[in-house]
Amino acid sequence: MDDNNLNIVVPDDLPEDISQGFVKDESKEIRRVVVDRQGCIGARSCALVANKAFKMDDENLAYVADTLDEEDEELLKMGAQSCPTLAIHLYNKDGDKIFPDT
């Protein structure tokens, strides 16, 4: 999905190897979800907590699922927070990082 169609600003700090998705609901705080695939260690906690937002691929790395928009925003935050390596980044529509606080 093209983020320009959603008026979502591209953050300056995106990792190189990512999986990302966009939340279309403009009333939500979280609008861009990014998985840093180099930082992912395959712990699966994100997929267990927020299984509509995160899935695991054949390499046992997390990716943002096509069903991201179906996930509850609180579960989405909890899924990101459950990652032991903080490989999941959450952004608002202005490109400001919501999580993690680094």
Protein backbone atom coordinates (compact mmCIF):
# COMPACT_ATOMS: atom_id res chain seq x y z
CA MET A 1 0.00 0.00 0.00
CA ASP A 2 1.25 3.46 -0.86
CA ASP A 3 1.63 5.63 2.22
CA ASN A 4 1.21 8.76 0.11
CA ASN A 5 -2.42 7.83 -0.53
CA LEU A 6 -2.93 7.77 3.24
CA ASN A 7 -1.11 11.07 3.93
CA ILE A 8 1.34 9.34 6.26
CA VAL A 9 4.79 10.90 6.58
CA VAL A 10 7.79 8.62 6.00
CA PRO A 11 9.94 8.49 9.17
CA ASP A 12 13.63 9.37 8.98
CA ASP A 13 14.79 6.35 10.99
CA LEU A 14 13.44 3.34 9.08
CA PRO A 15 15.74 0.29 9.22
CA GLU A 16 17.02 -1.10 5.89
CA ASP A 17 15.33 -4.54 5.86
CA ILE A 18 11.72 -4.04 6.91
CA SER A 19 8.22 -5.32 6.67
CA GLN A 20 5.68 -2.55 7.09
CA GLY A 21 1.99 -1.94 7.04
CA PHE A 22 -0.36 0.99 7.35
CA VAL A 23 -3.43 1.52 9.49
CA LYS A 24 -6.06 3.16 7.32
CA ASP A 25 -8.34 4.29 10.16
CA GLU A 26 -7.49 7.99 10.58
CA SER A 27 -8.87 8.01 14.13
CA LYS A 28 -6.09 5.68 15.31
CA GLU A 29 -2.86 6.96 16.85
CA ILE A 30 -0.75 4.22 15.23
CA ARG A 31 -0.67 4.60 11.45
CA ARG A 32 2.57 2.85 10.37
CA VAL A 33 3.88 -0.45 11.75
CA VAL A 34 7.42 -1.52 10.91
CA VAL A 35 9.22 -4.78 11.69
CA ASP A 36 13.01 -4.50 11.57
CA ARG A 37 13.70 -7.91 10.07
CA GLN A 38 17.41 -7.78 10.91
CA GLY A 39 16.53 -7.19 14.56
CA CYS A 40 13.93 -9.98 14.70
CA ILE A 41 15.10 -13.15 16.49
CA GLY A 42 11.93 -15.17 15.87
CA ALA A 43 10.65 -15.12 19.46
CA ARG A 44 7.06 -15.10 18.11
CA SER A 45 5.73 -13.08 21.05
CA CYS A 46 4.35 -10.40 18.71
CA ALA A 47 2.40 -12.99 16.69
CA LEU A 48 1.04 -14.60 19.85
CA VAL A 49 -0.14 -11.31 21.34
CA ALA A 50 -1.37 -9.59 18.16
CA ASN A 51 -2.01 -12.38 15.67
CA LYS A 52 -3.99 -10.19 13.26
CA ALA A 53 -1.08 -7.76 12.97
CA PHE A 54 1.98 -10.04 12.95
CA LYS A 55 2.80 -13.36 11.31
CA MET A 56 5.95 -15.43 10.99
CA ASP A 57 7.50 -16.38 7.64
CA ASP A 58 9.45 -19.47 6.51
CA GLU A 59 12.65 -17.98 7.95
CA ASN A 60 10.94 -17.61 11.36
CA LEU A 61 11.01 -13.81 11.05
CA ALA A 62 8.05 -11.59 11.86
CA TYR A 63 6.26 -9.56 9.23
CA VAL A 64 3.29 -7.19 9.21
CA ALA A 65 0.19 -9.10 8.16
CA ASP A 66 -2.37 -7.99 5.57
CA THR A 67 -4.94 -8.12 8.39
CA LEU A 68 -3.20 -5.33 10.36
CA ASP A 69 -6.30 -3.11 10.16
CA GLU A 70 -8.34 -5.77 11.96
CA GLU A 71 -6.12 -5.66 15.06
CA ASP A 72 -7.17 -3.79 18.19
CA GLU A 73 -4.80 -0.86 18.77
CA GLU A 74 -4.04 -1.87 22.37
CA LEU A 75 -3.14 -5.42 21.28
CA LEU A 76 -0.99 -3.94 18.53
CA LYS A 77 0.93 -1.89 21.12
CA MET A 78 1.24 -4.91 23.39
CA GLY A 79 2.53 -7.03 20.50
CA ALA A 80 5.24 -4.46 19.77
CA GLN A 81 6.12 -4.17 23.46
CA SER A 82 6.41 -7.95 23.76
CA CYS A 83 9.30 -8.10 21.27
CA PRO A 84 12.48 -8.88 23.27
CA THR A 85 14.70 -7.04 20.77
CA LEU A 86 12.40 -4.03 20.19
CA ALA A 87 12.34 -4.86 16.48
CA ILE A 88 8.81 -3.51 16.05
CA HIS A 89 8.44 0.22 15.55
CA LEU A 90 5.15 2.11 15.72
CA TYR A 91 4.66 5.55 14.15
CA ASN A 92 1.91 8.13 13.97
CA LYS A 93 0.71 9.78 10.75
CA ASP A 94 3.33 12.53 11.10
CA GLY A 95 6.20 10.01 11.05
CA ASP A 96 6.89 10.41 14.78
CA LYS A 97 7.89 7.24 16.61
CA ILE A 98 5.40 6.09 19.24
CA PHE A 99 7.31 2.95 20.22
CA PRO A 100 10.02 2.19 21.22
CA ASP A 101 11.12 5.31 23.05
CA THR A 102 14.66 5.51 21.74
